[in-house]
PDB file of all heavy atoms in Angstrom:
ATOM      1  N   VAL A   1       0.847  -1.211  -0.022  1.00  0.00           N
ATOM      2  CA  VAL A   1       0.025  -0.005   0.021  1.00  0.00           C
ATOM      3  C   VAL A   1       0.935   1.238   0.035  1.00  0.00           C
ATOM      4  O   VAL A   1       2.020   1.186   0.497  1.00  0.00           O
ATOM      5  CB  VAL A   1      -0.954   0.079   1.230  1.00  0.00           C
ATOM      6  CG1 VAL A   1      -2.051  -1.048   1.062  1.00  0.00           C
ATOM      7  CG2 VAL A   1      -0.221  -0.141   2.509  1.00  0.00           C
ATOM      8  N   VAL A   2       0.421   2.273  -0.589  1.00  0.00           N
ATOM      9  CA  VAL A   2       1.149   3.559  -0.677  1.00  0.00           C
ATOM     10  C   VAL A   2       0.325   4.698  -0.036  1.00  0.00           C
ATOM     11  O   VAL A   2      -0.822   4.849  -0.369  1.00  0.00           O
ATOM     12  CB  VAL A   2       1.467   3.917  -2.168  1.00  0.00           C
ATOM     13  CG1 VAL A   2       2.208   5.242  -2.270  1.00  0.00           C
ATOM     14  CG2 VAL A   2       2.421   2.826  -2.749  1.00  0.00           C
ATOM     15  N   PHE A   3       1.002   5.474   0.844  1.00  0.00           N
ATOM     16  CA  PHE A   3       0.347   6.589   1.455  1.00  0.00           C
ATOM     17  C   PHE A   3       1.087   7.901   1.122  1.00  0.00           C
ATOM     18  O   PHE A   3       2.295   7.947   1.225  1.00  0.00           O
ATOM     19  CB  PHE A   3       0.337   6.414   3.006  1.00  0.00           C
ATOM     20  CG  PHE A   3      -0.575   5.369   3.489  1.00  0.00           C
ATOM     21  CD1 PHE A   3      -0.202   4.029   3.594  1.00  0.00           C
ATOM     22  CD2 PHE A   3      -1.892   5.738   3.955  1.00  0.00           C
ATOM     23  CE1 PHE A   3      -1.074   3.068   4.095  1.00  0.00           C
ATOM     24  CE2 PHE A   3      -2.699   4.758   4.441  1.00  0.00           C
ATOM     25  CZ  PHE A   3      -2.356   3.489   4.528  1.00  0.00           C
ATOM     26  N   ASP A   4       0.317   8.889   0.799  1.00  0.00           N
ATOM     27  CA  ASP A   4       0.771  10.248   0.832  1.00  0.00           C
ATOM     28  C   ASP A   4       1.021  10.600   2.328  1.00  0.00           C
ATOM     29  O   ASP A   4       0.445   9.894   3.177  1.00  0.00           O
ATOM     30  CB  ASP A   4      -0.212  11.182   0.163  1.00  0.00           C
ATOM     31  CG  ASP A   4       0.127  12.640   0.342  1.00  0.00           C
ATOM     32  OD1 ASP A   4       1.248  13.076   0.041  1.00  0.00           O
ATOM     33  OD2 ASP A   4      -0.804  13.356   0.839  1.00  0.00           O
ATOM     34  N   ILE A   5       1.635  11.737   2.623  1.00  0.00           N
ATOM     35  CA  ILE A   5       1.851  12.107   3.997  1.00  0.00           C
ATOM     36  C   ILE A   5       1.001  13.310   4.406  1.00  0.00           C
ATOM     37  O   ILE A   5       0.150  13.222   5.371  1.00  0.00           O
ATOM     38  CB  ILE A   5       3.381  12.352   4.333  1.00  0.00           C
ATOM     39  CG1 ILE A   5       4.140  11.035   4.216  1.00  0.00           C
ATOM     40  CG2 ILE A   5       3.501  12.943   5.743  1.00  0.00           C
ATOM     41  CD1 ILE A   5       5.637  11.162   4.442  1.00  0.00           C
ATOM     42  N   ASP A   6       1.224  14.457   3.795  1.00  0.00           N
ATOM     43  CA  ASP A   6       0.559  15.719   4.172  1.00  0.00           C
ATOM     44  C   ASP A   6      -0.997  15.549   3.961  1.00  0.00           C
ATOM     45  O   ASP A   6      -1.466  15.356   2.864  1.00  0.00           O
ATOM     46  CB  ASP A   6       1.038  16.866   3.326  1.00  0.00           C
ATOM     47  CG  ASP A   6       2.482  17.083   3.568  1.00  0.00           C
ATOM     48  OD1 ASP A   6       2.977  16.912   4.688  1.00  0.00           O
ATOM     49  OD2 ASP A   6       3.196  17.460   2.622  1.00  0.00           O
ATOM     50  N   ASP A   7      -1.728  15.673   5.023  1.00  0.00           N
ATOM     51  CA  ASP A   7      -3.234  15.631   5.051  1.00  0.00           C
ATOM     52  C   ASP A   7      -3.795  14.328   4.561  1.00  0.00           C
ATOM     53  O   ASP A   7      -4.969  14.224   4.217  1.00  0.00           O
ATOM     54  CB  ASP A   7      -3.777  16.817   4.268  1.00  0.00           C
ATOM     55  CG  ASP A   7      -3.452  18.166   4.982  1.00  0.00           C
ATOM     56  OD1 ASP A   7      -3.960  18.330   6.089  1.00  0.00           O
ATOM     57  OD2 ASP A   7      -2.633  18.935   4.474  1.00  0.00           O
ATOM     58  N   THR A   8      -2.920  13.322   4.481  1.00  0.00           N
ATOM     59  CA  THR A   8      -3.307  11.869   4.366  1.00  0.00           C
ATOM     60  C   THR A   8      -3.002  11.177   5.647  1.00  0.00           C
ATOM     61  O   THR A   8      -3.821  10.411   6.146  1.00  0.00           O
ATOM     62  CB  THR A   8      -2.646  11.233   3.155  1.00  0.00           C
ATOM     63  OG1 THR A   8      -2.986  11.949   1.999  1.00  0.00           O
ATOM     64  CG2 THR A   8      -3.049   9.753   3.044  1.00  0.00           C
ATOM     65  N   LEU A   9      -1.859  11.488   6.195  1.00  0.00           N
ATOM     66  CA  LEU A   9      -1.423  10.869   7.528  1.00  0.00           C
ATOM     67  C   LEU A   9      -1.288  11.900   8.565  1.00  0.00           C
ATOM     68  O   LEU A   9      -1.621  11.725   9.762  1.00  0.00           O
ATOM     69  CB  LEU A   9      -0.141  10.110   7.383  1.00  0.00           C
ATOM     70  CG  LEU A   9      -0.226   8.855   6.545  1.00  0.00           C
ATOM     71  CD1 LEU A   9       1.229   8.300   6.206  1.00  0.00           C
ATOM     72  CD2 LEU A   9      -1.030   7.752   7.338  1.00  0.00           C
ATOM     73  N   LEU A  10      -0.799  13.117   8.215  1.00  0.00           N
ATOM     74  CA  LEU A  10      -0.536  14.225   9.125  1.00  0.00           C
ATOM     75  C   LEU A  10      -1.413  15.443   8.815  1.00  0.00           C
ATOM     76  O   LEU A  10      -1.354  15.886   7.618  1.00  0.00           O
ATOM     77  CB  LEU A  10       0.908  14.601   9.181  1.00  0.00           C
ATOM     78  CG  LEU A  10       1.919  13.475   9.460  1.00  0.00           C
ATOM     79  CD1 LEU A  10       3.340  13.988   9.401  1.00  0.00           C
ATOM     80  CD2 LEU A  10       1.694  12.874  10.918  1.00  0.00           C
ATOM     81  N   LEU A  11      -2.165  15.880   9.753  1.00  0.00           N
ATOM     82  CA  LEU A  11      -3.134  16.992   9.481  1.00  0.00           C
ATOM     83  C   LEU A  11      -2.519  18.388   9.559  1.00  0.00           C
ATOM     84  O   LEU A  11      -1.906  18.638  10.549  1.00  0.00           O
ATOM     85  CB  LEU A  11      -4.322  16.874  10.415  1.00  0.00           C
ATOM     86  CG  LEU A  11      -5.470  17.870  10.202  1.00  0.00           C
ATOM     87  CD1 LEU A  11      -6.145  17.659   8.875  1.00  0.00           C
ATOM     88  CD2 LEU A  11      -6.487  17.761  11.290  1.00  0.00           C
ATOM     89  N   SER A  12      -2.650  19.130   8.501  1.00  0.00           N
ATOM     90  CA  SER A  12      -2.065  20.485   8.454  1.00  0.00           C
ATOM     91  C   SER A  12      -3.088  21.579   8.729  1.00  0.00           C
ATOM     92  O   SER A  12      -2.908  22.791   8.362  1.00  0.00           O
ATOM     93  CB  SER A  12      -1.446  20.702   7.081  1.00  0.00           C
ATOM     94  OG  SER A  12      -0.497  19.696   6.816  1.00  0.00           O
ATOM     95  N   LEU A  13      -4.201  21.280   9.339  1.00  0.00           N
ATOM     96  CA  LEU A  13      -5.232  22.279   9.568  1.00  0.00           C
ATOM     97  C   LEU A  13      -4.808  23.507  10.347  1.00  0.00           C
ATOM     98  O   LEU A  13      -5.142  24.598   9.963  1.00  0.00           O
ATOM     99  CB  LEU A  13      -6.408  21.595  10.315  1.00  0.00           C
ATOM    100  CG  LEU A  13      -7.612  22.544  10.594  1.00  0.00           C
ATOM    101  CD1 LEU A  13      -8.246  23.040   9.316  1.00  0.00           C
ATOM    102  CD2 LEU A  13      -8.642  21.786  11.438  1.00  0.00           C
ATOM    103  N   ASP A  14      -3.935  23.348  11.306  1.00  0.00           N
ATOM    104  CA  ASP A  14      -3.450  24.480  12.095  1.00  0.00           C
ATOM    105  C   ASP A  14      -2.685  25.487  11.231  1.00  0.00           C
ATOM    106  O   ASP A  14      -2.824  26.665  11.315  1.00  0.00           O
ATOM    107  CB  ASP A  14      -2.588  24.019  13.267  1.00  0.00           C
ATOM    108  CG  ASP A  14      -2.138  25.151  14.122  1.00  0.00           C
ATOM    109  OD1 ASP A  14      -2.989  25.818  14.753  1.00  0.00           O
ATOM    110  OD2 ASP A  14      -0.916  25.420  14.193  1.00  0.00           O
ATOM    111  N   TYR A  15      -1.835  24.967  10.316  1.00  0.00           N
ATOM    112  CA  TYR A  15      -1.096  25.848   9.362  1.00  0.00           C
ATOM    113  C   TYR A  15      -2.088  26.539   8.485  1.00  0.00           C
ATOM    114  O   TYR A  15      -1.935  27.756   8.256  1.00  0.00           O
ATOM    115  CB  TYR A  15      -0.153  25.016   8.544  1.00  0.00           C
ATOM    116  CG  TYR A  15       0.665  25.796   7.577  1.00  0.00           C
ATOM    117  CD1 TYR A  15       1.838  26.413   7.941  1.00  0.00           C
ATOM    118  CD2 TYR A  15       0.176  26.001   6.256  1.00  0.00           C
ATOM    119  CE1 TYR A  15       2.581  27.228   7.025  1.00  0.00           C
ATOM    120  CE2 TYR A  15       0.936  26.698   5.315  1.00  0.00           C
ATOM    121  CZ  TYR A  15       2.090  27.377   5.765  1.00  0.00           C
ATOM    122  OH  TYR A  15       2.787  28.165   4.845  1.00  0.00           O
ATOM    123  N   GLU A  16      -3.065  25.869   7.959  1.00  0.00           N
ATOM    124  CA  GLU A  16      -3.999  26.469   7.000  1.00  0.00           C
ATOM    125  C   GLU A  16      -4.780  27.630   7.714  1.00  0.00           C
ATOM    126  O   GLU A  16      -4.887  28.681   7.185  1.00  0.00           O
ATOM    127  CB  GLU A  16      -4.988  25.431   6.499  1.00  0.00           C
ATOM    128  CG  GLU A  16      -4.363  24.277   5.802  1.00  0.00           C
ATOM    129  CD  GLU A  16      -3.551  24.615   4.556  1.00  0.00           C
ATOM    130  OE1 GLU A  16      -3.787  25.705   4.019  1.00  0.00           O
ATOM    131  OE2 GLU A  16      -2.621  23.884   4.312  1.00  0.00           O
ATOM    132  N   LYS A  17      -5.270  27.360   8.903  1.00  0.00           N
ATOM    133  CA  LYS A  17      -5.970  28.398   9.621  1.00  0.00           C
ATOM    134  C   LYS A  17      -5.021  29.553  10.022  1.00  0.00           C
ATOM    135  O   LYS A  17      -5.441  30.714   9.876  1.00  0.00           O
ATOM    136  CB  LYS A  17      -6.563  27.741  10.882  1.00  0.00           C
ATOM    137  CG  LYS A  17      -7.801  26.947  10.663  1.00  0.00           C
ATOM    138  CD  LYS A  17      -9.000  27.713  10.311  1.00  0.00           C
ATOM    139  CE  LYS A  17      -9.455  28.617  11.496  1.00  0.00           C
ATOM    140  NZ  LYS A  17     -10.626  29.493  11.124  1.00  0.00           N
ATOM    141  N   ARG A  18      -3.864  29.215  10.515  1.00  0.00           N
ATOM    142  CA  ARG A  18      -2.983  30.263  11.034  1.00  0.00           C
ATOM    143  C   ARG A  18      -2.523  31.217   9.952  1.00  0.00           C
ATOM    144  O   ARG A  18      -2.328  32.401  10.137  1.00  0.00           O
ATOM    145  CB  ARG A  18      -1.793  29.583  11.689  1.00  0.00           C
ATOM    146  CG  ARG A  18      -1.078  30.503  12.614  1.00  0.00           C
ATOM    147  CD  ARG A  18      -0.129  29.667  13.506  1.00  0.00           C
ATOM    148  NE  ARG A  18      -0.831  28.701  14.340  1.00  0.00           N
ATOM    149  CZ  ARG A  18      -1.482  29.024  15.478  1.00  0.00           C
ATOM    150  NH1 ARG A  18      -1.544  30.256  15.850  1.00  0.00           N
ATOM    151  NH2 ARG A  18      -2.114  28.080  16.146  1.00  0.00           N
ATOM    152  N   TYR A  19      -2.399  30.656   8.718  1.00  0.00           N
ATOM    153  CA  TYR A  19      -1.922  31.449   7.625  1.00  0.00           C
ATOM    154  C   TYR A  19      -2.989  31.786   6.566  1.00  0.00           C
ATOM    155  O   TYR A  19      -2.709  32.108   5.433  1.00  0.00           O
ATOM    156  CB  TYR A  19      -0.640  30.853   6.949  1.00  0.00           C
ATOM    157  CG  TYR A  19       0.509  30.866   7.836  1.00  0.00           C
ATOM    158  CD1 TYR A  19       0.850  29.735   8.605  1.00  0.00           C
ATOM    159  CD2 TYR A  19       1.317  32.010   8.014  1.00  0.00           C
ATOM    160  CE1 TYR A  19       1.932  29.723   9.549  1.00  0.00           C
ATOM    161  CE2 TYR A  19       2.387  32.031   8.903  1.00  0.00           C
ATOM    162  CZ  TYR A  19       2.700  30.884   9.619  1.00  0.00           C
ATOM    163  OH  TYR A  19       3.736  30.912  10.446  1.00  0.00           O
ATOM    164  N   ASN A  20      -4.240  31.626   6.994  1.00  0.00           N
ATOM    165  CA  ASN A  20      -5.379  32.029   6.237  1.00  0.00           C
ATOM    166  C   ASN A  20      -5.384  31.409   4.868  1.00  0.00           C
ATOM    167  O   ASN A  20      -5.646  31.988   3.840  1.00  0.00           O
ATOM    168  CB  ASN A  20      -5.495  33.501   6.083  1.00  0.00           C
ATOM    169  CG  ASN A  20      -6.848  34.000   5.684  1.00  0.00           C
ATOM    170  OD1 ASN A  20      -7.877  33.320   5.991  1.00  0.00           O
ATOM    171  ND2 ASN A  20      -6.947  35.109   5.014  1.00  0.00           N
ATOM    172  N   TYR A  21      -5.039  30.065   4.810  1.00  0.00           N
ATOM    173  CA  TYR A  21      -5.096  29.222   3.595  1.00  0.00           C
ATOM    174  C   TYR A  21      -4.200  29.772   2.518  1.00  0.00           C
ATOM    175  O   TYR A  21      -4.540  29.696   1.363  1.00  0.00           O
ATOM    176  CB  TYR A  21      -6.544  29.104   3.148  1.00  0.00           C
ATOM    177  CG  TYR A  21      -7.421  28.565   4.189  1.00  0.00           C
ATOM    178  CD1 TYR A  21      -8.180  29.415   4.973  1.00  0.00           C
ATOM    179  CD2 TYR A  21      -7.541  27.194   4.459  1.00  0.00           C
ATOM    180  CE1 TYR A  21      -9.015  28.911   6.019  1.00  0.00           C
ATOM    181  CE2 TYR A  21      -8.299  26.672   5.429  1.00  0.00           C
ATOM    182  CZ  TYR A  21      -9.052  27.547   6.238  1.00  0.00           C
ATOM    183  OH  TYR A  21      -9.803  27.044   7.236  1.00  0.00           O
ATOM    184  N   THR A  22      -3.022  30.330   2.933  1.00  0.00           N
ATOM    185  CA  THR A  22      -2.035  30.739   1.939  1.00  0.00           C
ATOM    186  C   THR A  22      -0.795  29.925   2.154  1.00  0.00           C
ATOM    187  O   THR A  22      -0.656  29.226   3.201  1.00  0.00           O
ATOM    188  CB  THR A  22      -1.679  32.317   2.110  1.00  0.00           C
ATOM    189  OG1 THR A  22      -1.177  32.489   3.417  1.00  0.00           O
ATOM    190  CG2 THR A  22      -2.889  33.118   1.845  1.00  0.00           C
ATOM    191  N   TYR A  23       0.129  29.928   1.273  1.00  0.00           N
ATOM    192  CA  TYR A  23       1.302  29.106   1.316  1.00  0.00           C
ATOM    193  C   TYR A  23       2.526  29.955   1.152  1.00  0.00           C
ATOM    194  O   TYR A  23       2.658  30.869   0.378  1.00  0.00           O
ATOM    195  CB  TYR A  23       1.318  28.067   0.208  1.00  0.00           C
ATOM    196  CG  TYR A  23       2.570  27.295   0.105  1.00  0.00           C
ATOM    197  CD1 TYR A  23       2.845  26.313   1.019  1.00  0.00           C
ATOM    198  CD2 TYR A  23       3.487  27.564  -0.889  1.00  0.00           C
ATOM    199  CE1 TYR A  23       4.027  25.555   0.972  1.00  0.00           C
ATOM    200  CE2 TYR A  23       4.704  26.780  -0.993  1.00  0.00           C
ATOM    201  CZ  TYR A  23       4.958  25.831  -0.082  1.00  0.00           C
ATOM    202  OH  TYR A  23       6.127  25.052  -0.133  1.00  0.00           O
ATOM    203  N   ASN A  24       3.549  29.687   2.045  1.00  0.00           N
ATOM    204  CA  ASN A  24       4.840  30.317   1.999  1.00  0.00           C
ATOM    205  C   ASN A  24       5.878  29.272   2.316  1.00  0.00           C
ATOM    206  O   ASN A  24       5.747  28.540   3.288  1.00  0.00           O
ATOM    207  CB  ASN A  24       4.882  31.497   2.996  1.00  0.00           C
ATOM    208  CG  ASN A  24       6.307  32.051   3.113  1.00  0.00           C
ATOM    209  OD1 ASN A  24       7.163  31.574   3.832  1.00  0.00           O
ATOM    210  ND2 ASN A  24       6.472  33.233   2.431  1.00  0.00           N
ATOM    211  N   SER A  25       6.862  29.127   1.415  1.00  0.00           N
ATOM    212  CA  SER A  25       7.810  28.018   1.627  1.00  0.00           C
ATOM    213  C   SER A  25       8.525  28.100   2.934  1.00  0.00           C
ATOM    214  O   SER A  25       8.764  26.992   3.574  1.00  0.00           O
ATOM    215  CB  SER A  25       8.793  27.999   0.479  1.00  0.00           C
ATOM    216  OG  SER A  25       9.522  29.239   0.334  1.00  0.00           O
ATOM    217  N   ALA A  26       8.864  29.262   3.452  1.00  0.00           N
ATOM    218  CA  ALA A  26       9.630  29.345   4.672  1.00  0.00           C
ATOM    219  C   ALA A  26       8.744  28.960   5.896  1.00  0.00           C
ATOM    220  O   ALA A  26       9.202  28.217   6.749  1.00  0.00           O
ATOM    221  CB  ALA A  26      10.162  30.729   4.863  1.00  0.00           C
TER     222      ALA A  26
END
């Protein structure tokens, strides 16, 4: 079986909320 990691095994909801659903590499 193959699993992705981000938001398949580890939830990134706190990041999404904290940064208002925007992305910054740093």
